[in-house]
Amino acid sequence: MPRGLTRRGALAAAGAAALGSLAGCSGRGSERRFWDDPPSLDVDAVPREFDDSVPARPRIVPVGLEPEVAAAFADRVDRLLSPIPDPLTAERLPHGGFRGRIEAERAAAREALPGPDEPLVPLEAVKRYSTARDHAASAVGTWAGVTVEGDPGAVAPDVGAVRQRASETLDALPGPAADPLAGAAVYGPIERWYDEALRRTLVGSGSPADEANPIRAGEAVGDVERVQSYVEAGRYLGDRYAASLADPQPVAEPIRREMDRLGSAVGDRLRELHGEGVEDLRENPGPEAFVDERAVARDAPSADLLSSAVYRSFDGLWFDLVAIGDYEPDHPATGLTRTALVQTRLRAVDAVAARVEAGDTMFPDDAAAIGAARGAAVESAAALAESENPLARWLATQFLPLFAEQDDALAADERSALSAATAYAEYRWIEIVADEAGAVAESVATAIDS
């Protein structure tokens, strides 16, 4: 009998109180809690800095922004900001709230612009330029909204035209690629830019001039400008990548076939976890679905990690382009990459659940264990980021940001056994999920080649 069904039967007999105890919610008052009597840890001995640096964001798109293109993106920011007086004084704009918002958006635009020596991969550079244009347009859109002669609608590109350009570009993807895996990795993020713009950013959008509040008008201008920036950058990178190929191949169909195969495997696992009667596979079954026995004390770092990992795995699944159940995404490159990400997380959650059942509390034996866990996580993440498999490198971009929060927590002035143990557990999660990502990427490559 599948593990999920066995657990569901046990839960039905045990009642709602046992359900809550695993997830860290209200449970039996007599149950032992991990932090009532935790092991000792010399927190002062935990390092604040580490020799092993986090791997750099891997390169997914093999072509970059030509200098003149990057300069044009930066120049657009300068031209957007040019109508705003600098400095913007109280005499020029007495309303402190509007003035503060404009100054903050202008500063954010300048801060987001990449520096001349920043080693950014193409997709990250595009994100920075687009963010800078968003902030700059928000600043000038707000300025236009508070001046008599201003017109926020004249600042932003026409919403309908931007929506149409995004839709047309999305419909043409994925373009030719070196092979299906490369095509999924290159075009997946670009497809996602347009899909998010059409389904979330621009859905139902009207003209920014229709906004009565100048700040809302500025935000609307920024949204349209950001999408326009992504449209320009996506078309440029896609065309330049296709032109660079010695032997371009149409890859849409093999990508879609692999997306469907992977989605079927993910769907089977979700059905095991939910058991019978679930209305939608995207529902979060809770951490209790992943374990038969709970072998660690309530609120142990490993149990908390299991809960947070389950949440991360299902967060946003309702709105993401994942090929599960009866849903087949229209955009296969995005569908394959996002479905691979879900399978990776589910496999990693299973691995954490196995450690919970084995009694692993994920509390560090000593201060040195935290550095060792981080070192192992860095090693696994580096192997993923440096893989020859393009899907593996894309998956690495999803997990590398997880280092920052824990590194910052350990470097903070105030630390505790709880924050140190949390960092230790999260480093172990990064190692686990990076290893699983490599296995998923390899399985996809094998399936495509077979």
Protein backbone atom coordinates (compact mmCIF):
# COMPACT_ATOMS: atom_id res chain seq x y z
CA MET A 1 0.00 0.00 0.00
CA PRO A 2 1.41 3.49 -0.84
CA ARG A 3 2.92 5.40 2.05
CA GLY A 4 0.47 8.28 1.65
CA LEU A 5 -2.54 5.94 1.91
CA THR A 6 -1.09 4.16 4.94
CA ARG A 7 -0.58 7.47 6.68
CA ARG A 8 -4.05 8.69 5.77
CA GLY A 9 -5.56 5.59 7.35
CA ALA A 10 -3.55 6.13 10.50
CA LEU A 11 -4.58 9.76 10.65
CA ALA A 12 -8.23 8.88 10.29
CA ALA A 13 -7.92 6.71 13.37
CA ALA A 14 -5.77 9.10 15.36
CA GLY A 15 -7.89 12.23 14.81
CA ALA A 16 -7.24 15.86 14.17
CA ALA A 17 -4.98 16.37 17.20
CA ALA A 18 -2.30 14.13 15.76
CA LEU A 19 -2.58 15.95 12.45
CA GLY A 20 -1.72 19.22 14.09
CA SER A 21 1.23 17.93 16.06
CA LEU A 22 3.35 17.02 13.03
CA ALA A 23 2.86 20.37 11.39
CA GLY A 24 3.74 22.19 14.58
CA CYS A 25 0.16 23.29 15.21
CA SER A 26 -1.91 22.71 18.32
CA GLY A 27 -1.57 19.09 19.37
CA ARG A 28 -1.54 16.97 22.50
CA GLY A 29 -0.45 19.11 25.42
CA SER A 30 1.64 16.32 26.90
CA GLU A 31 3.72 15.74 23.75
CA ARG A 32 7.40 16.44 24.22
CA ARG A 33 8.61 19.51 22.36
CA PHE A 34 12.15 19.63 21.05
CA TRP A 35 12.93 23.11 22.36
CA ASP A 36 11.78 22.31 25.89
CA ASP A 37 15.17 20.69 26.49
CA PRO A 38 17.36 21.10 23.39
CA PRO A 39 20.93 19.80 23.14
CA SER A 40 23.64 22.29 24.02
CA LEU A 41 25.36 24.31 21.30
CA ASP A 42 28.13 26.86 21.68
CA VAL A 43 26.53 29.53 19.52
CA ASP A 44 29.47 31.92 19.96
CA ALA A 45 31.71 29.33 18.28
CA VAL A 46 29.54 29.19 15.16
CA PRO A 47 31.38 30.95 12.31
CA ARG A 48 29.98 34.23 11.03
CA GLU A 49 31.79 33.99 7.71
CA PHE A 50 32.88 31.03 5.60
CA ASP A 51 35.73 30.38 3.20
CA ASP A 52 33.55 28.61 0.62
CA SER A 53 31.71 31.21 -1.46
CA VAL A 54 28.27 30.56 -2.92
CA PRO A 55 28.51 29.49 -6.57
CA ALA A 56 27.85 32.25 -9.09
CA ARG A 57 24.57 32.21 -10.96
CA PRO A 58 25.19 29.87 -13.93
CA ARG A 59 24.88 31.01 -17.51
CA ILE A 60 21.81 29.61 -19.25
CA VAL A 61 21.67 31.71 -22.42
CA PRO A 62 24.97 31.33 -24.31
CA VAL A 63 24.72 34.78 -25.95
CA GLY A 64 24.95 38.07 -24.10
CA LEU A 65 23.83 41.67 -24.45
CA GLU A 66 25.97 43.56 -26.93
CA PRO A 67 27.41 46.76 -25.43
CA GLU A 68 25.24 49.01 -27.57
CA VAL A 69 22.11 47.13 -26.48
CA ALA A 70 23.02 47.38 -22.81
CA ALA A 71 23.74 51.09 -23.30
CA ALA A 72 20.32 51.58 -24.89
CA PHE A 73 18.61 49.98 -21.89
CA ALA A 74 20.54 52.23 -19.51
CA ASP A 75 19.84 55.28 -21.65
CA ARG A 76 16.11 54.55 -21.49
CA VAL A 77 16.32 54.88 -17.69
CA ASP A 78 18.08 58.25 -17.98
CA ARG A 79 15.55 59.53 -20.52
CA LEU A 80 12.62 58.43 -18.34
CA LEU A 81 14.01 60.28 -15.33
CA SER A 82 15.00 63.42 -17.18
CA PRO A 83 11.71 65.38 -16.64
CA ILE A 84 11.97 65.12 -12.85
CA PRO A 85 13.83 68.04 -11.21
CA ASP A 86 16.99 66.95 -9.41
CA PRO A 87 17.02 67.79 -6.57
CA LEU A 88 13.26 67.64 -6.12
CA THR A 89 12.69 70.30 -3.48
CA ALA A 90 9.72 70.98 -1.23
CA GLU A 91 9.27 74.29 -3.02
CA ARG A 92 8.84 72.44 -6.31
CA LEU A 93 6.61 69.69 -4.84
CA PRO A 94 5.21 70.56 -1.39
CA HIS A 95 3.42 67.21 -0.86
CA GLY A 96 5.91 65.16 1.14
CA GLY A 97 4.31 61.80 0.40
CA PHE A 98 4.43 62.22 -3.37
CA ARG A 99 7.89 63.77 -3.23
CA GLY A 100 9.24 60.92 -1.09
CA ARG A 101 7.76 58.31 -3.42
CA ILE A 102 9.28 59.90 -6.51
CA GLU A 103 12.69 60.25 -4.87
CA ALA A 104 12.59 56.63 -3.64
CA GLU A 105 11.65 55.28 -7.08
CA ARG A 106 14.34 57.38 -8.76
CA ALA A 107 16.97 56.12 -6.32
CA ALA A 108 15.80 52.52 -6.81
CA ALA A 109 16.09 52.90 -10.58
CA ARG A 110 19.67 54.08 -10.36
CA GLU A 111 20.56 51.38 -7.84
CA ALA A 112 19.09 48.61 -10.01
CA LEU A 113 21.16 49.56 -13.05
CA PRO A 114 24.06 47.12 -13.50
CA GLY A 115 27.52 48.54 -12.96
CA PRO A 116 30.04 48.42 -15.80
CA ASP A 117 32.12 45.69 -14.13
CA GLU A 118 29.33 43.52 -12.68
CA PRO A 119 29.67 39.92 -13.95
CA LEU A 120 25.99 39.34 -14.69
CA VAL A 121 24.70 36.51 -16.84
CA PRO A 122 22.33 37.65 -19.62
CA LEU A 123 19.03 36.79 -17.90
CA GLU A 124 20.09 38.52 -14.68
CA ALA A 125 21.26 41.58 -16.61
CA VAL A 126 17.88 41.79 -18.35
CA LYS A 127 16.11 41.52 -15.00
CA ARG A 128 18.20 44.37 -13.57
CA TYR A 129 17.62 46.66 -16.57
CA SER A 130 13.90 45.88 -16.57
CA THR A 131 13.66 46.56 -12.84
CA ALA A 132 15.48 49.86 -13.31
CA ARG A 133 13.10 50.86 -16.08
CA ASP A 134 10.14 49.89 -13.90
CA HIS A 135 11.31 52.15 -11.05
CA ALA A 136 12.21 55.00 -13.39
CA ALA A 137 8.82 54.84 -15.12
CA SER A 138 7.06 54.69 -11.73
CA ALA A 139 8.92 57.83 -10.66
CA VAL A 140 8.15 59.83 -13.77
CA GLY A 141 4.59 58.48 -13.94
CA THR A 142 3.97 59.73 -10.40
CA TRP A 143 5.61 63.06 -11.28
CA ALA A 144 3.35 63.38 -14.31
CA GLY A 145 0.35 62.66 -12.10
CA VAL A 146 1.07 65.53 -9.70
CA THR A 147 1.88 68.23 -12.25
CA VAL A 148 -0.77 70.25 -14.04
CA GLU A 149 0.76 69.67 -17.45
CA GLY A 150 1.61 66.00 -16.79
CA ASP A 151 -0.06 62.96 -18.35
CA PRO A 152 0.89 59.53 -16.97
CA GLY A 153 -0.64 57.90 -20.02
CA ALA A 154 1.84 59.70 -22.26
CA VAL A 155 4.80 58.31 -20.30
CA ALA A 156 4.07 54.61 -20.69
CA PRO A 157 3.85 52.64 -23.93
CA ASP A 158 0.29 51.83 -24.99
CA VAL A 159 -0.98 48.99 -22.80
CA GLY A 160 -2.83 47.28 -25.64
CA ALA A 161 0.21 47.41 -27.92
CA VAL A 162 2.50 46.00 -25.22
CA ARG A 163 0.03 43.23 -24.46
CA GLN A 164 -0.17 42.38 -28.15
CA ARG A 165 3.62 42.31 -28.57
CA ALA A 166 4.00 40.08 -25.53
CA SER A 167 1.33 37.71 -26.80
CA GLU A 168 2.83 37.50 -30.30
CA THR A 169 6.30 36.82 -28.93
CA LEU A 170 5.01 34.18 -26.54
CA ASP A 171 3.13 32.39 -29.31
CA ALA A 172 6.36 32.14 -31.35
CA LEU A 173 8.27 30.37 -28.57
CA PRO A 174 10.15 28.14 -28.18
CA GLY A 175 12.29 28.98 -31.16
CA PRO A 176 15.06 26.83 -32.65
CA ALA A 177 17.72 25.51 -30.29
CA ALA A 178 20.84 23.39 -30.18
CA ASP A 179 18.79 20.56 -28.64
CA PRO A 180 15.57 20.19 -26.61
CA LEU A 181 17.23 20.57 -23.20
CA ALA A 182 19.01 23.74 -24.26
CA GLY A 183 15.78 25.02 -25.77
CA ALA A 184 13.85 24.45 -22.55
CA ALA A 185 16.51 26.21 -20.47
CA VAL A 186 16.90 29.18 -22.83
CA TYR A 187 13.29 29.79 -23.75
CA GLY A 188 11.63 28.73 -20.49
CA PRO A 189 12.56 31.87 -18.53
CA ILE A 190 11.67 34.09 -21.51
CA GLU A 191 8.28 32.42 -21.93
CA ARG A 192 7.67 32.95 -18.23
CA TRP A 193 8.30 36.70 -18.53
CA TYR A 194 5.49 37.04 -21.05
CA ASP A 195 3.15 34.55 -19.45
CA GLU A 196 3.37 36.32 -16.08
CA ALA A 197 2.85 39.67 -17.77
CA LEU A 198 -0.27 38.52 -19.58
CA ARG A 199 -1.79 36.50 -16.72
CA ARG A 200 -0.83 38.71 -13.79
CA THR A 201 0.82 42.07 -14.54
CA LEU A 202 -1.28 43.28 -17.46
CA VAL A 203 -4.49 41.33 -16.93
CA GLY A 204 -7.37 43.79 -17.02
CA SER A 205 -4.99 46.76 -17.18
CA GLY A 206 -6.28 50.01 -18.57
CA SER A 207 -4.46 53.24 -19.29
CA PRO A 208 -2.36 54.60 -16.38
CA ALA A 209 -4.10 57.92 -17.02
CA ASP A 210 -7.30 56.33 -15.68
CA GLU A 211 -5.76 56.11 -12.19
CA ALA A 212 -6.85 59.03 -10.00
CA ASN A 213 -4.11 58.47 -7.42
CA PRO A 214 -0.73 59.67 -8.80
CA ILE A 215 1.12 56.89 -6.97
CA ARG A 216 -1.17 54.23 -8.47
CA ALA A 217 -0.73 55.87 -11.86
CA GLY A 218 3.04 55.70 -11.43
CA GLU A 219 2.89 52.02 -10.49
CA ALA A 220 0.79 51.29 -13.58
CA VAL A 221 3.30 53.12 -15.78
CA GLY A 222 6.12 51.11 -14.20
CA ASP A 223 4.34 47.80 -14.82
CA VAL A 224 3.88 48.53 -18.52
CA GLU A 225 7.45 49.76 -18.91
CA ARG A 226 8.85 46.63 -17.24
CA VAL A 227 6.87 44.35 -19.55
CA GLN A 228 7.93 46.38 -22.58
CA SER A 229 11.54 45.99 -21.44
CA TYR A 230 11.13 42.21 -21.20
CA VAL A 231 9.51 42.11 -24.64
CA GLU A 232 12.46 43.94 -26.17
CA ALA A 233 15.06 41.87 -24.30
CA GLY A 234 13.35 38.53 -24.91
CA ARG A 235 13.05 39.11 -28.62
CA TYR A 236 16.66 40.27 -28.80
CA LEU A 237 18.10 37.32 -26.86
CA GLY A 238 15.92 34.78 -28.68
CA ASP A 239 16.89 36.10 -32.10
CA ARG A 240 20.56 36.34 -31.20
CA TYR A 241 20.60 32.83 -29.77
CA ALA A 242 18.92 31.37 -32.85
CA ALA A 243 21.37 33.19 -35.13
CA SER A 244 24.33 31.77 -33.17
CA LEU A 245 23.37 28.13 -33.79
CA ALA A 246 25.42 26.11 -36.24
CA ASP A 247 22.71 23.46 -36.57
CA PRO A 248 19.39 24.86 -35.26
CA GLN A 249 16.64 22.36 -34.48
CA PRO A 250 12.91 22.79 -33.91
CA VAL A 251 12.44 21.66 -30.32
CA ALA A 252 8.84 22.45 -29.37
CA GLU A 253 7.48 18.94 -29.86
CA PRO A 254 10.20 16.95 -28.03
CA ILE A 255 10.01 19.48 -25.18
CA ARG A 256 6.25 19.03 -24.99
CA ARG A 257 6.53 15.22 -25.01
CA GLU A 258 8.99 15.30 -22.13
CA MET A 259 6.84 17.83 -20.28
CA ASP A 260 3.89 15.45 -20.51
CA ARG A 261 5.96 12.44 -19.40
CA LEU A 262 7.38 14.31 -16.44
CA GLY A 263 3.97 15.71 -15.54
CA SER A 264 2.50 12.21 -15.52
CA ALA A 265 5.18 11.05 -13.05
CA VAL A 266 4.56 14.08 -10.80
CA GLY A 267 0.82 13.47 -10.96
CA ASP A 268 1.26 9.85 -9.90
CA ARG A 269 3.28 10.92 -6.87
CA LEU A 270 0.71 13.55 -5.92
CA ARG A 271 -2.08 10.97 -6.13
CA GLU A 272 -0.12 8.73 -3.77
CA LEU A 273 0.25 11.58 -1.32
CA HIS A 274 -3.39 12.68 -1.42
CA GLY A 275 -5.04 9.28 -1.60
CA GLU A 276 -8.60 9.01 -2.87
CA GLY A 277 -11.10 11.84 -2.99
CA VAL A 278 -8.83 14.83 -3.54
CA GLU A 279 -10.50 17.53 -5.63
CA ASP A 280 -7.28 18.93 -7.10
CA LEU A 281 -3.73 17.54 -7.08
CA ARG A 282 -2.43 21.06 -6.47
CA GLU A 283 -3.79 21.07 -2.94
CA ASN A 284 -1.17 20.93 -0.20
CA PRO A 285 -1.54 17.52 1.52
CA GLY A 286 0.45 18.71 4.52
CA PRO A 287 3.73 17.27 5.84
CA GLU A 288 1.89 14.39 7.47
CA ALA A 289 1.31 12.85 4.03
CA PHE A 290 5.04 12.25 3.62
CA VAL A 291 5.70 10.18 6.75
CA ASP A 292 4.38 6.94 8.23
CA GLU A 293 5.92 7.53 11.65
CA ARG A 294 6.95 10.70 13.41
CA ALA A 295 10.19 9.76 15.13
CA VAL A 296 11.44 13.16 16.34
CA ALA A 297 10.17 15.49 19.01
CA ARG A 298 7.66 18.13 18.01
CA ASP A 299 9.26 21.29 16.56
CA ALA A 300 12.65 19.64 16.00
CA PRO A 301 14.57 21.44 13.23
CA SER A 302 14.03 18.51 10.86
CA ALA A 303 10.26 18.50 11.47
CA ASP A 304 10.12 22.26 10.92
CA LEU A 305 12.20 21.85 7.75
CA LEU A 306 9.78 19.20 6.50
CA SER A 307 6.84 21.56 7.06
CA SER A 308 8.52 24.49 5.32
CA ALA A 309 9.76 22.30 2.47
CA VAL A 310 6.25 20.99 1.84
CA TYR A 311 4.92 24.55 1.83
CA ARG A 312 7.61 25.66 -0.64
CA SER A 313 6.83 22.71 -2.88
CA PHE A 314 3.14 23.55 -3.16
CA ASP A 315 3.24 27.34 -2.89
CA GLY A 316 2.05 28.87 -6.13
CA LEU A 317 1.27 25.51 -7.71
CA TRP A 318 -2.29 26.67 -8.38
CA PHE A 319 -1.04 29.38 -10.72
CA ASP A 320 2.17 27.89 -12.11
CA LEU A 321 2.57 26.26 -15.51
CA VAL A 322 2.99 22.70 -14.27
CA ALA A 323 1.81 19.76 -16.37
CA ILE A 324 -0.21 17.79 -13.82
CA GLY A 325 -3.72 16.38 -13.80
CA ASP A 326 -5.75 17.43 -16.82
CA TYR A 327 -3.73 20.61 -17.35
CA GLU A 328 -1.27 20.84 -20.22
CA PRO A 329 0.55 24.20 -20.37
CA ASP A 330 0.40 26.06 -23.64
CA HIS A 331 4.06 27.00 -23.36
CA PRO A 332 6.17 23.83 -23.28
CA ALA A 333 9.58 25.25 -22.34
CA THR A 334 8.11 26.89 -19.24
CA GLY A 335 5.99 23.80 -18.59
CA LEU A 336 8.98 21.45 -18.68
CA THR A 337 11.22 23.58 -16.47
CA ARG A 338 8.53 24.30 -13.87
CA THR A 339 7.36 20.66 -13.79
CA ALA A 340 10.99 19.54 -13.33
CA LEU A 341 11.24 21.99 -10.43
CA VAL A 342 8.16 20.47 -8.76
CA GLN A 343 9.49 16.94 -9.17
CA THR A 344 12.83 18.01 -7.72
CA ARG A 345 11.18 19.52 -4.66
CA LEU A 346 8.92 16.52 -4.11
CA ARG A 347 11.89 14.15 -4.25
CA ALA A 348 13.77 16.36 -1.80
CA VAL A 349 10.79 16.45 0.57
CA ASP A 350 10.69 12.65 0.47
CA ALA A 351 14.39 12.61 1.40
CA VAL A 352 13.80 14.95 4.35
CA ALA A 353 10.80 12.87 5.45
CA ALA A 354 12.99 9.75 5.48
CA ARG A 355 15.42 11.52 7.80
CA VAL A 356 12.57 12.57 10.10
CA GLU A 357 11.34 8.98 10.28
CA ALA A 358 14.89 7.84 11.04
CA GLY A 359 14.94 10.17 14.04
CA ASP A 360 17.29 12.81 12.62
CA THR A 361 16.54 16.07 14.43
CA MET A 362 18.95 18.04 12.20
CA PHE A 363 20.36 19.75 15.27
CA PRO A 364 24.11 20.27 14.78
CA ASP A 365 26.40 18.15 16.92
CA ASP A 366 28.67 21.16 17.44
CA ALA A 367 29.49 24.54 15.94
CA ALA A 368 31.78 23.01 13.32
CA ALA A 369 28.92 20.90 11.97
CA ILE A 370 27.20 24.04 10.69
CA GLY A 371 30.20 25.00 8.59
CA ALA A 372 30.46 21.42 7.34
CA ALA A 373 26.79 21.41 6.33
CA ARG A 374 27.21 24.67 4.48
CA GLY A 375 30.32 23.33 2.74
CA ALA A 376 28.42 20.24 1.59
CA ALA A 377 25.58 22.45 0.35
CA VAL A 378 28.01 24.65 -1.57
CA GLU A 379 29.61 21.58 -3.14
CA SER A 380 26.27 20.15 -4.27
CA ALA A 381 25.05 23.51 -5.57
CA ALA A 382 28.33 24.05 -7.44
CA ALA A 383 28.06 20.66 -9.12
CA LEU A 384 24.57 21.59 -10.27
CA ALA A 385 25.55 25.07 -11.44
CA GLU A 386 28.57 23.76 -13.36
CA SER A 387 26.76 20.84 -14.98
CA GLU A 388 26.87 20.39 -18.75
CA ASN A 389 23.12 19.73 -18.58
CA PRO A 390 21.29 23.04 -19.29
CA LEU A 391 18.26 21.98 -17.23
CA ALA A 392 20.51 21.29 -14.23
CA ARG A 393 22.02 24.76 -14.53
CA TRP A 394 18.54 26.31 -14.70
CA LEU A 395 17.48 24.39 -11.60
CA ALA A 396 20.56 25.73 -9.83
CA THR A 397 19.28 29.27 -10.36
CA GLN A 398 16.19 28.35 -8.31
CA PHE A 399 18.16 27.17 -5.27
CA LEU A 400 21.27 29.36 -5.09
CA PRO A 401 19.32 32.29 -3.57
CA LEU A 402 18.51 30.09 -0.54
CA PHE A 403 22.02 30.63 0.84
CA ALA A 404 21.57 34.36 1.42
CA GLU A 405 19.03 34.27 4.25
CA GLN A 406 20.94 31.69 6.30
CA ASP A 407 24.33 33.33 5.69
CA ASP A 408 22.86 36.64 6.83
CA ALA A 409 21.31 35.04 9.91
CA LEU A 410 24.65 33.57 10.99
CA ALA A 411 26.41 36.89 10.39
CA ALA A 412 23.88 38.82 12.49
CA ASP A 413 24.86 40.38 15.82
CA GLU A 414 22.16 38.49 17.71
CA ARG A 415 22.21 34.72 17.22
CA SER A 416 20.67 31.84 19.11
CA ALA A 417 20.62 28.08 19.12
CA LEU A 418 17.36 28.30 17.18
CA SER A 419 18.75 30.50 14.39
CA ALA A 420 21.93 28.40 14.16
CA ALA A 421 19.98 25.13 14.03
CA THR A 422 17.63 26.58 11.42
CA ALA A 423 20.58 27.57 9.25
CA TYR A 424 22.08 24.10 9.66
CA ALA A 425 18.81 22.44 8.58
CA GLU A 426 18.42 24.79 5.60
CA TYR A 427 21.97 24.10 4.43
CA ARG A 428 21.16 20.41 4.53
CA TRP A 429 18.01 21.14 2.50
CA ILE A 430 20.08 22.93 -0.14
CA GLU A 431 22.43 19.93 -0.37
CA ILE A 432 19.50 17.52 -0.63
CA VAL A 433 17.50 19.50 -3.17
CA ALA A 434 20.58 20.20 -5.33
CA ASP A 435 21.41 16.50 -5.43
CA GLU A 436 17.82 15.65 -6.38
CA ALA A 437 17.85 18.35 -9.05
CA GLY A 438 20.87 16.74 -10.67
CA ALA A 439 19.09 13.38 -10.71
CA VAL A 440 15.94 14.91 -12.23
CA ALA A 441 17.89 16.75 -14.91
CA GLU A 442 19.75 13.57 -15.81
CA SER A 443 16.50 11.59 -16.05
CA VAL A 444 15.04 14.21 -18.39
CA ALA A 445 18.12 14.08 -20.60
CA THR A 446 17.95 10.29 -20.75
CA ALA A 447 14.24 10.32 -21.60
CA ILE A 448 14.71 12.86 -24.40
CA ASP A 449 17.58 10.86 -25.90
CA SER A 450 15.76 7.53 -25.73
